């Protein structure tokens, strides 16, 4: 069940070093802005569950660090396994599956506004891949969270 998603991840291309460096120079400021936008959402508790604000803030700081590591040394297996781990871990703490679409869309808008068009063109496919594959991540982690099977 995981193989198809891994095959799509293998089609992503590691960004050019200059564009990865541009992301590296901006990710901390973008994470702070993105966290503020997320925390101001009126539906925040519905997205992340009660008492999970700190966890969401941590995720917004750790997420771009992880993406930066991929941009420097892309390994599709690491991307897939890490995303599945994040979905399992955060869902087990009460995060709803709608959280990822909401947060990733914030990130896409921030990247579009703050990266050069050339950098955005190379980095956006990773974020788009994450957004498009949310249903697959949900399905795969539904199996894990139900206790019926292990990946």
N, C-alpha and C. Protein backbone atom coordinates (compact mmCIF):
# COMPACT_ATOMS: atom_id res chain seq x y z
N UNK A 1 0.82 -1.20 0.00
CA UNK A 1 0.00 0.00 0.00
C UNK A 1 0.87 1.27 0.00
N UNK A 2 2.05 1.17 0.57
CA UNK A 2 2.95 2.31 0.63
C UNK A 2 3.73 2.50 -0.67
N UNK A 3 3.88 1.45 -1.44
CA UNK A 3 4.69 1.51 -2.66
C UNK A 3 4.26 2.60 -3.64
N UNK A 4 2.97 2.76 -3.93
CA UNK A 4 2.58 3.82 -4.90
C UNK A 4 3.00 5.22 -4.45
N UNK A 5 2.87 5.50 -3.18
CA UNK A 5 3.25 6.83 -2.70
C UNK A 5 4.76 7.02 -2.78
N UNK A 6 5.49 5.97 -2.52
CA UNK A 6 6.95 6.04 -2.64
C UNK A 6 7.36 6.27 -4.09
N UNK A 7 6.66 5.64 -5.02
CA UNK A 7 6.97 5.84 -6.44
C UNK A 7 6.75 7.29 -6.86
N UNK A 8 5.71 7.92 -6.33
CA UNK A 8 5.49 9.33 -6.68
C UNK A 8 6.56 10.21 -6.04
N UNK A 9 7.00 9.85 -4.84
CA UNK A 9 8.05 10.62 -4.17
C UNK A 9 9.36 10.55 -4.95
N UNK A 10 9.61 9.43 -5.60
CA UNK A 10 10.84 9.27 -6.38
C UNK A 10 10.88 10.20 -7.59
N UNK A 11 9.75 10.73 -7.98
CA UNK A 11 9.70 11.64 -9.13
C UNK A 11 10.06 13.08 -8.76
N UNK A 12 10.09 13.39 -7.47
CA UNK A 12 10.47 14.74 -7.04
C UNK A 12 11.96 14.94 -7.27
N UNK A 13 12.33 16.14 -7.66
CA UNK A 13 13.72 16.48 -7.94
C UNK A 13 14.28 17.39 -6.86
N UNK A 14 15.43 17.03 -6.34
CA UNK A 14 16.10 17.87 -5.35
C UNK A 14 16.32 19.25 -5.94
N UNK A 15 15.96 20.30 -5.20
CA UNK A 15 16.14 21.66 -5.73
C UNK A 15 17.62 22.00 -5.94
N UNK A 16 17.84 22.90 -6.85
CA UNK A 16 19.16 23.47 -7.08
C UNK A 16 19.70 24.02 -5.77
N UNK A 17 21.01 23.90 -5.56
CA UNK A 17 21.63 24.35 -4.30
C UNK A 17 21.33 25.82 -4.00
N UNK A 18 21.32 26.67 -5.00
CA UNK A 18 21.07 28.10 -4.77
C UNK A 18 19.66 28.31 -4.23
N UNK A 19 18.70 27.54 -4.74
CA UNK A 19 17.32 27.70 -4.29
C UNK A 19 17.13 27.08 -2.91
N UNK A 20 17.82 26.00 -2.64
CA UNK A 20 17.79 25.43 -1.29
C UNK A 20 18.39 26.43 -0.30
N UNK A 21 19.44 27.10 -0.70
CA UNK A 21 20.06 28.11 0.17
C UNK A 21 19.11 29.28 0.40
N UNK A 22 18.38 29.67 -0.61
CA UNK A 22 17.39 30.75 -0.44
C UNK A 22 16.34 30.33 0.59
N UNK A 23 15.85 29.10 0.48
CA UNK A 23 14.91 28.58 1.47
C UNK A 23 15.54 28.60 2.86
N UNK A 24 16.79 28.17 2.94
CA UNK A 24 17.50 28.11 4.21
C UNK A 24 17.60 29.48 4.88
N UNK A 25 17.78 30.50 4.08
CA UNK A 25 17.91 31.86 4.62
C UNK A 25 16.58 32.42 5.12
N UNK A 26 15.46 31.84 4.66
CA UNK A 26 14.16 32.43 4.96
C UNK A 26 13.27 31.57 5.85
N UNK A 27 13.61 30.29 6.04
CA UNK A 27 12.66 29.40 6.69
C UNK A 27 12.32 29.80 8.12
N UNK A 28 13.27 30.32 8.88
CA UNK A 28 12.97 30.66 10.28
C UNK A 28 11.92 31.76 10.37
N UNK A 29 12.09 32.80 9.57
CA UNK A 29 11.11 33.90 9.57
C UNK A 29 9.76 33.40 9.06
N UNK A 30 9.78 32.55 8.04
CA UNK A 30 8.52 32.02 7.51
C UNK A 30 7.83 31.12 8.52
N UNK A 31 8.59 30.34 9.27
CA UNK A 31 8.01 29.48 10.30
C UNK A 31 7.31 30.33 11.37
N UNK A 32 7.93 31.42 11.74
CA UNK A 32 7.34 32.30 12.76
C UNK A 32 6.04 32.91 12.24
N UNK A 33 6.04 33.38 11.01
CA UNK A 33 4.84 33.97 10.43
C UNK A 33 3.76 32.90 10.27
N UNK A 34 4.15 31.75 9.76
CA UNK A 34 3.19 30.66 9.57
C UNK A 34 2.57 30.21 10.87
N UNK A 35 3.37 30.14 11.91
CA UNK A 35 2.84 29.76 13.23
C UNK A 35 1.83 30.78 13.72
N UNK A 36 2.15 32.05 13.54
CA UNK A 36 1.22 33.11 13.96
C UNK A 36 -0.10 33.00 13.21
N UNK A 37 -0.02 32.80 11.90
CA UNK A 37 -1.24 32.66 11.09
C UNK A 37 -2.05 31.46 11.56
N UNK A 38 -1.38 30.34 11.78
CA UNK A 38 -2.05 29.13 12.23
C UNK A 38 -2.71 29.35 13.59
N UNK A 39 -1.97 29.93 14.52
CA UNK A 39 -2.48 30.12 15.88
C UNK A 39 -3.66 31.09 15.95
N UNK A 40 -3.80 31.95 14.94
CA UNK A 40 -4.90 32.91 14.92
C UNK A 40 -6.16 32.36 14.25
N UNK A 41 -6.08 31.14 13.74
CA UNK A 41 -7.25 30.56 13.08
C UNK A 41 -8.37 30.32 14.10
N UNK A 42 -9.58 30.71 13.76
CA UNK A 42 -10.69 30.48 14.70
C UNK A 42 -11.00 28.99 14.90
N UNK A 43 -10.61 28.17 13.94
CA UNK A 43 -10.88 26.73 14.03
C UNK A 43 -9.66 25.95 14.53
N UNK A 44 -8.71 26.63 15.14
CA UNK A 44 -7.46 25.98 15.55
C UNK A 44 -7.70 24.74 16.41
N UNK A 45 -8.53 24.85 17.42
CA UNK A 45 -8.74 23.71 18.30
C UNK A 45 -9.36 22.52 17.56
N UNK A 46 -10.20 22.80 16.58
CA UNK A 46 -10.76 21.71 15.77
C UNK A 46 -9.67 21.02 14.95
N UNK A 47 -8.66 21.79 14.55
CA UNK A 47 -7.58 21.22 13.73
C UNK A 47 -6.58 20.43 14.56
N UNK A 48 -6.22 20.95 15.74
CA UNK A 48 -5.11 20.36 16.49
C UNK A 48 -5.53 19.69 17.79
N UNK A 49 -6.78 19.85 18.20
CA UNK A 49 -7.22 19.27 19.45
C UNK A 49 -6.91 20.21 20.61
N UNK A 50 -7.45 19.88 21.75
CA UNK A 50 -7.30 20.70 22.94
C UNK A 50 -5.90 20.56 23.52
N UNK A 51 -5.28 21.70 23.81
CA UNK A 51 -4.00 21.71 24.50
C UNK A 51 -2.80 21.34 23.65
N UNK A 52 -2.94 21.39 22.34
CA UNK A 52 -1.84 21.00 21.46
C UNK A 52 -1.16 22.16 20.76
N UNK A 53 -1.36 23.37 21.27
CA UNK A 53 -0.76 24.55 20.64
C UNK A 53 0.76 24.48 20.58
N UNK A 54 1.37 24.07 21.68
CA UNK A 54 2.84 23.98 21.70
C UNK A 54 3.34 22.95 20.70
N UNK A 55 2.61 21.85 20.60
CA UNK A 55 3.00 20.81 19.65
C UNK A 55 2.92 21.34 18.20
N UNK A 56 1.88 22.10 17.91
CA UNK A 56 1.73 22.68 16.58
C UNK A 56 2.85 23.68 16.30
N UNK A 57 3.20 24.48 17.30
CA UNK A 57 4.31 25.43 17.14
C UNK A 57 5.63 24.69 16.89
N UNK A 58 5.86 23.63 17.65
CA UNK A 58 7.07 22.83 17.45
C UNK A 58 7.10 22.25 16.05
N UNK A 59 5.95 21.77 15.59
CA UNK A 59 5.89 21.21 14.24
C UNK A 59 6.26 22.26 13.20
N UNK A 60 5.79 23.48 13.39
CA UNK A 60 6.08 24.53 12.41
C UNK A 60 7.55 24.94 12.40
N UNK A 61 8.25 24.70 13.49
CA UNK A 61 9.69 24.96 13.52
C UNK A 61 10.47 23.77 12.95
N UNK A 62 10.01 22.57 13.27
CA UNK A 62 10.74 21.37 12.82
C UNK A 62 10.49 21.03 11.36
N UNK A 63 9.31 21.33 10.88
CA UNK A 63 8.94 21.00 9.51
C UNK A 63 9.90 21.63 8.48
N UNK A 64 10.18 22.94 8.53
CA UNK A 64 11.09 23.49 7.53
C UNK A 64 12.53 22.99 7.70
N UNK A 65 12.92 22.64 8.91
CA UNK A 65 14.25 22.03 9.11
C UNK A 65 14.33 20.71 8.36
N UNK A 66 13.28 19.94 8.49
CA UNK A 66 13.22 18.66 7.78
C UNK A 66 13.24 18.88 6.27
N UNK A 67 12.43 19.83 5.81
CA UNK A 67 12.40 20.10 4.37
C UNK A 67 13.76 20.55 3.88
N UNK A 68 14.45 21.37 4.66
CA UNK A 68 15.79 21.83 4.29
C UNK A 68 16.73 20.64 4.14
N UNK A 69 16.65 19.68 5.05
CA UNK A 69 17.51 18.50 4.94
C UNK A 69 17.21 17.72 3.66
N UNK A 70 15.95 17.67 3.27
CA UNK A 70 15.59 17.01 2.01
C UNK A 70 16.13 17.78 0.81
N UNK A 71 16.05 19.10 0.88
CA UNK A 71 16.50 19.91 -0.24
C UNK A 71 18.01 19.77 -0.46
N UNK A 72 18.73 19.43 0.59
CA UNK A 72 20.19 19.26 0.49
C UNK A 72 20.59 17.84 0.13
N UNK A 73 19.77 16.86 0.52
CA UNK A 73 20.12 15.45 0.28
C UNK A 73 18.82 14.66 0.19
N UNK A 74 18.18 14.72 -0.96
CA UNK A 74 16.86 14.14 -1.11
C UNK A 74 16.89 12.62 -1.16
N UNK A 75 16.11 12.02 -0.26
CA UNK A 75 15.92 10.58 -0.23
C UNK A 75 14.41 10.33 -0.11
N UNK A 76 13.78 9.84 -1.17
CA UNK A 76 12.33 9.64 -1.15
C UNK A 76 11.84 8.76 0.01
N UNK A 77 12.60 7.74 0.35
CA UNK A 77 12.20 6.84 1.44
C UNK A 77 12.13 7.61 2.77
N UNK A 78 13.07 8.50 2.98
CA UNK A 78 13.09 9.30 4.21
C UNK A 78 11.86 10.21 4.24
N UNK A 79 11.53 10.81 3.12
CA UNK A 79 10.35 11.67 3.05
C UNK A 79 9.10 10.89 3.43
N UNK A 80 8.88 9.78 2.78
CA UNK A 80 7.66 8.99 3.02
C UNK A 80 7.60 8.49 4.46
N UNK A 81 8.66 7.89 4.94
CA UNK A 81 8.65 7.33 6.30
C UNK A 81 8.48 8.42 7.36
N UNK A 82 9.10 9.56 7.15
CA UNK A 82 8.98 10.64 8.13
C UNK A 82 7.58 11.21 8.14
N UNK A 83 7.00 11.41 6.96
CA UNK A 83 5.64 11.95 6.91
C UNK A 83 4.67 10.97 7.56
N UNK A 84 4.83 9.70 7.30
CA UNK A 84 3.95 8.72 7.93
C UNK A 84 4.12 8.72 9.45
N UNK A 85 5.35 8.85 9.92
CA UNK A 85 5.59 8.93 11.36
C UNK A 85 4.89 10.16 11.94
N UNK A 86 5.02 11.30 11.27
CA UNK A 86 4.39 12.54 11.75
C UNK A 86 2.87 12.38 11.80
N UNK A 87 2.29 11.83 10.76
CA UNK A 87 0.84 11.63 10.76
C UNK A 87 0.41 10.73 11.92
N UNK A 88 1.11 9.63 12.13
CA UNK A 88 0.75 8.73 13.23
C UNK A 88 0.90 9.43 14.58
N UNK A 89 2.04 10.07 14.78
CA UNK A 89 2.32 10.69 16.08
C UNK A 89 1.34 11.82 16.38
N UNK A 90 1.15 12.72 15.43
CA UNK A 90 0.30 13.87 15.70
C UNK A 90 -1.17 13.48 15.78
N UNK A 91 -1.60 12.55 14.96
CA UNK A 91 -2.99 12.09 15.05
C UNK A 91 -3.25 11.41 16.39
N UNK A 92 -2.26 10.69 16.90
CA UNK A 92 -2.47 10.03 18.19
C UNK A 92 -2.58 11.04 19.33
N UNK A 93 -2.16 12.27 19.09
CA UNK A 93 -2.28 13.34 20.09
C UNK A 93 -3.53 14.20 19.88
N UNK A 94 -4.34 13.86 18.88
CA UNK A 94 -5.58 14.60 18.68
C UNK A 94 -5.62 15.53 17.49
N UNK A 95 -4.53 15.60 16.72
CA UNK A 95 -4.55 16.43 15.51
C UNK A 95 -5.48 15.78 14.49
N UNK A 96 -6.29 16.60 13.85
CA UNK A 96 -7.21 16.10 12.83
C UNK A 96 -6.52 16.09 11.47
N UNK A 97 -7.02 15.27 10.58
CA UNK A 97 -6.38 15.15 9.27
C UNK A 97 -6.46 16.46 8.48
N UNK A 98 -7.41 17.31 8.80
CA UNK A 98 -7.55 18.61 8.12
C UNK A 98 -6.44 19.59 8.50
N UNK A 99 -5.74 19.30 9.59
CA UNK A 99 -4.64 20.17 10.02
C UNK A 99 -3.59 20.32 8.93
N UNK A 100 -3.23 19.20 8.29
CA UNK A 100 -2.12 19.26 7.33
C UNK A 100 -2.47 20.09 6.10
N UNK A 101 -3.67 19.97 5.60
CA UNK A 101 -4.07 20.80 4.46
C UNK A 101 -4.03 22.28 4.85
N UNK A 102 -4.56 22.60 6.02
CA UNK A 102 -4.58 23.98 6.48
C UNK A 102 -3.15 24.53 6.62
N UNK A 103 -2.29 23.78 7.27
CA UNK A 103 -0.93 24.27 7.52
C UNK A 103 -0.10 24.29 6.24
N UNK A 104 -0.22 23.28 5.42
CA UNK A 104 0.54 23.26 4.17
C UNK A 104 0.12 24.38 3.23
N UNK A 105 -1.16 24.70 3.22
CA UNK A 105 -1.61 25.82 2.39
C UNK A 105 -1.04 27.15 2.89
N UNK A 106 -0.91 27.29 4.20
CA UNK A 106 -0.25 28.48 4.75
C UNK A 106 1.18 28.54 4.24
N UNK A 107 1.88 27.42 4.32
CA UNK A 107 3.27 27.37 3.87
C UNK A 107 3.40 27.69 2.38
N UNK A 108 2.52 27.15 1.56
CA UNK A 108 2.60 27.42 0.12
C UNK A 108 2.44 28.91 -0.15
N UNK A 109 1.49 29.54 0.51
CA UNK A 109 1.29 30.98 0.30
C UNK A 109 2.50 31.78 0.76
N UNK A 110 3.08 31.41 1.90
CA UNK A 110 4.28 32.11 2.38
C UNK A 110 5.45 31.92 1.43
N UNK A 111 5.62 30.72 0.93
CA UNK A 111 6.72 30.46 0.00
C UNK A 111 6.52 31.24 -1.31
N UNK A 112 5.29 31.25 -1.79
CA UNK A 112 4.98 31.97 -3.03
C UNK A 112 5.30 33.45 -2.90
N UNK A 113 5.01 34.03 -1.73
CA UNK A 113 5.21 35.46 -1.51
C UNK A 113 6.66 35.82 -1.18
N UNK A 114 7.42 34.88 -0.64
CA UNK A 114 8.73 35.22 -0.10
C UNK A 114 9.93 34.62 -0.82
N UNK A 115 9.71 33.65 -1.67
CA UNK A 115 10.81 33.09 -2.46
C UNK A 115 10.79 33.71 -3.85
N UNK A 116 11.93 33.69 -4.49
CA UNK A 116 11.95 34.12 -5.89
C UNK A 116 11.10 33.13 -6.69
N UNK A 117 10.56 33.55 -7.81
CA UNK A 117 9.77 32.62 -8.62
C UNK A 117 10.55 31.36 -9.00
N UNK A 118 11.83 31.51 -9.24
CA UNK A 118 12.65 30.35 -9.62
C UNK A 118 12.79 29.36 -8.46
N UNK A 119 13.01 29.89 -7.27
CA UNK A 119 13.12 29.01 -6.10
C UNK A 119 11.78 28.36 -5.80
N UNK A 120 10.72 29.13 -5.87
CA UNK A 120 9.39 28.58 -5.62
C UNK A 120 9.10 27.43 -6.59
N UNK A 121 9.46 27.62 -7.84
CA UNK A 121 9.20 26.60 -8.87
C UNK A 121 9.87 25.27 -8.52
N UNK A 122 11.02 25.30 -7.89
CA UNK A 122 11.74 24.07 -7.55
C UNK A 122 11.33 23.49 -6.19
N UNK A 123 10.87 24.33 -5.30
CA UNK A 123 10.52 23.88 -3.95
C UNK A 123 9.04 23.50 -3.84
N UNK A 124 8.20 24.20 -4.56
CA UNK A 124 6.76 23.95 -4.49
C UNK A 124 6.38 22.49 -4.75
N UNK A 125 6.99 21.78 -5.69
CA UNK A 125 6.56 20.39 -5.92
C UNK A 125 6.57 19.51 -4.67
N UNK A 126 7.47 19.77 -3.74
CA UNK A 126 7.49 18.99 -2.49
C UNK A 126 6.24 19.27 -1.66
N UNK A 127 5.87 20.53 -1.57
CA UNK A 127 4.69 20.91 -0.80
C UNK A 127 3.42 20.43 -1.50
N UNK A 128 3.39 20.54 -2.81
CA UNK A 128 2.25 20.05 -3.57
C UNK A 128 2.11 18.54 -3.39
N UNK A 129 3.24 17.83 -3.43
CA UNK A 129 3.23 16.38 -3.24
C UNK A 129 2.63 16.04 -1.86
N UNK A 130 3.03 16.78 -0.84
CA UNK A 130 2.48 16.55 0.49
C UNK A 130 0.97 16.77 0.51
N UNK A 131 0.52 17.86 -0.08
CA UNK A 131 -0.91 18.19 -0.09
C UNK A 131 -1.70 17.13 -0.85
N UNK A 132 -1.24 16.80 -2.04
CA UNK A 132 -1.95 15.83 -2.88
C UNK A 132 -2.04 14.46 -2.21
N UNK A 133 -1.04 14.12 -1.43
CA UNK A 133 -0.99 12.78 -0.83
C UNK A 133 -1.55 12.70 0.59
N UNK A 134 -2.15 13.77 1.08
CA UNK A 134 -2.76 13.71 2.41
C UNK A 134 -3.73 12.53 2.52
N UNK A 135 -4.62 12.30 1.56
CA UNK A 135 -5.53 11.14 1.69
C UNK A 135 -4.78 9.81 1.82
N UNK A 136 -3.70 9.66 1.11
CA UNK A 136 -2.92 8.41 1.21
C UNK A 136 -2.28 8.29 2.59
N UNK A 137 -1.74 9.39 3.10
CA UNK A 137 -1.15 9.35 4.45
C UNK A 137 -2.20 9.03 5.49
N UNK A 138 -3.39 9.59 5.31
CA UNK A 138 -4.48 9.31 6.24
C UNK A 138 -4.83 7.82 6.19
N UNK A 139 -4.99 7.29 4.99
CA UNK A 139 -5.33 5.87 4.85
C UNK A 139 -4.28 4.97 5.48
N UNK A 140 -3.03 5.25 5.19
CA UNK A 140 -1.95 4.42 5.73
C UNK A 140 -1.88 4.52 7.25
N UNK A 141 -2.09 5.69 7.79
CA UNK A 141 -2.01 5.82 9.24
C UNK A 141 -3.31 5.40 9.92
N UNK A 142 -4.44 5.40 9.20
CA UNK A 142 -5.67 4.82 9.75
C UNK A 142 -5.43 3.36 10.10
N UNK A 143 -4.75 2.66 9.21
CA UNK A 143 -4.44 1.25 9.44
C UNK A 143 -3.60 1.11 10.70
N UNK A 144 -2.58 1.93 10.82
CA UNK A 144 -1.69 1.87 12.00
C UNK A 144 -2.44 2.21 13.28
N UNK A 145 -3.20 3.28 13.23
CA UNK A 145 -3.87 3.76 14.44
C UNK A 145 -4.99 2.83 14.89
N UNK A 146 -5.53 2.05 13.95
CA UNK A 146 -6.58 1.13 14.33
C UNK A 146 -6.01 -0.13 14.99
N UNK A 147 -4.70 -0.33 14.84
CA UNK A 147 -4.07 -1.49 15.43
C UNK A 147 -4.25 -2.77 14.65
N UNK A 148 -4.79 -2.67 13.44
CA UNK A 148 -5.06 -3.86 12.63
C UNK A 148 -3.86 -4.34 11.83
N UNK A 149 -2.92 -3.45 11.58
CA UNK A 149 -1.78 -3.86 10.77
C UNK A 149 -0.61 -2.93 11.02
N UNK A 150 0.54 -3.38 10.71
CA UNK A 150 1.74 -2.57 10.77
C UNK A 150 2.29 -2.44 9.36
N UNK A 151 2.86 -1.29 9.05
CA UNK A 151 3.44 -1.08 7.71
C UNK A 151 4.77 -1.78 7.59
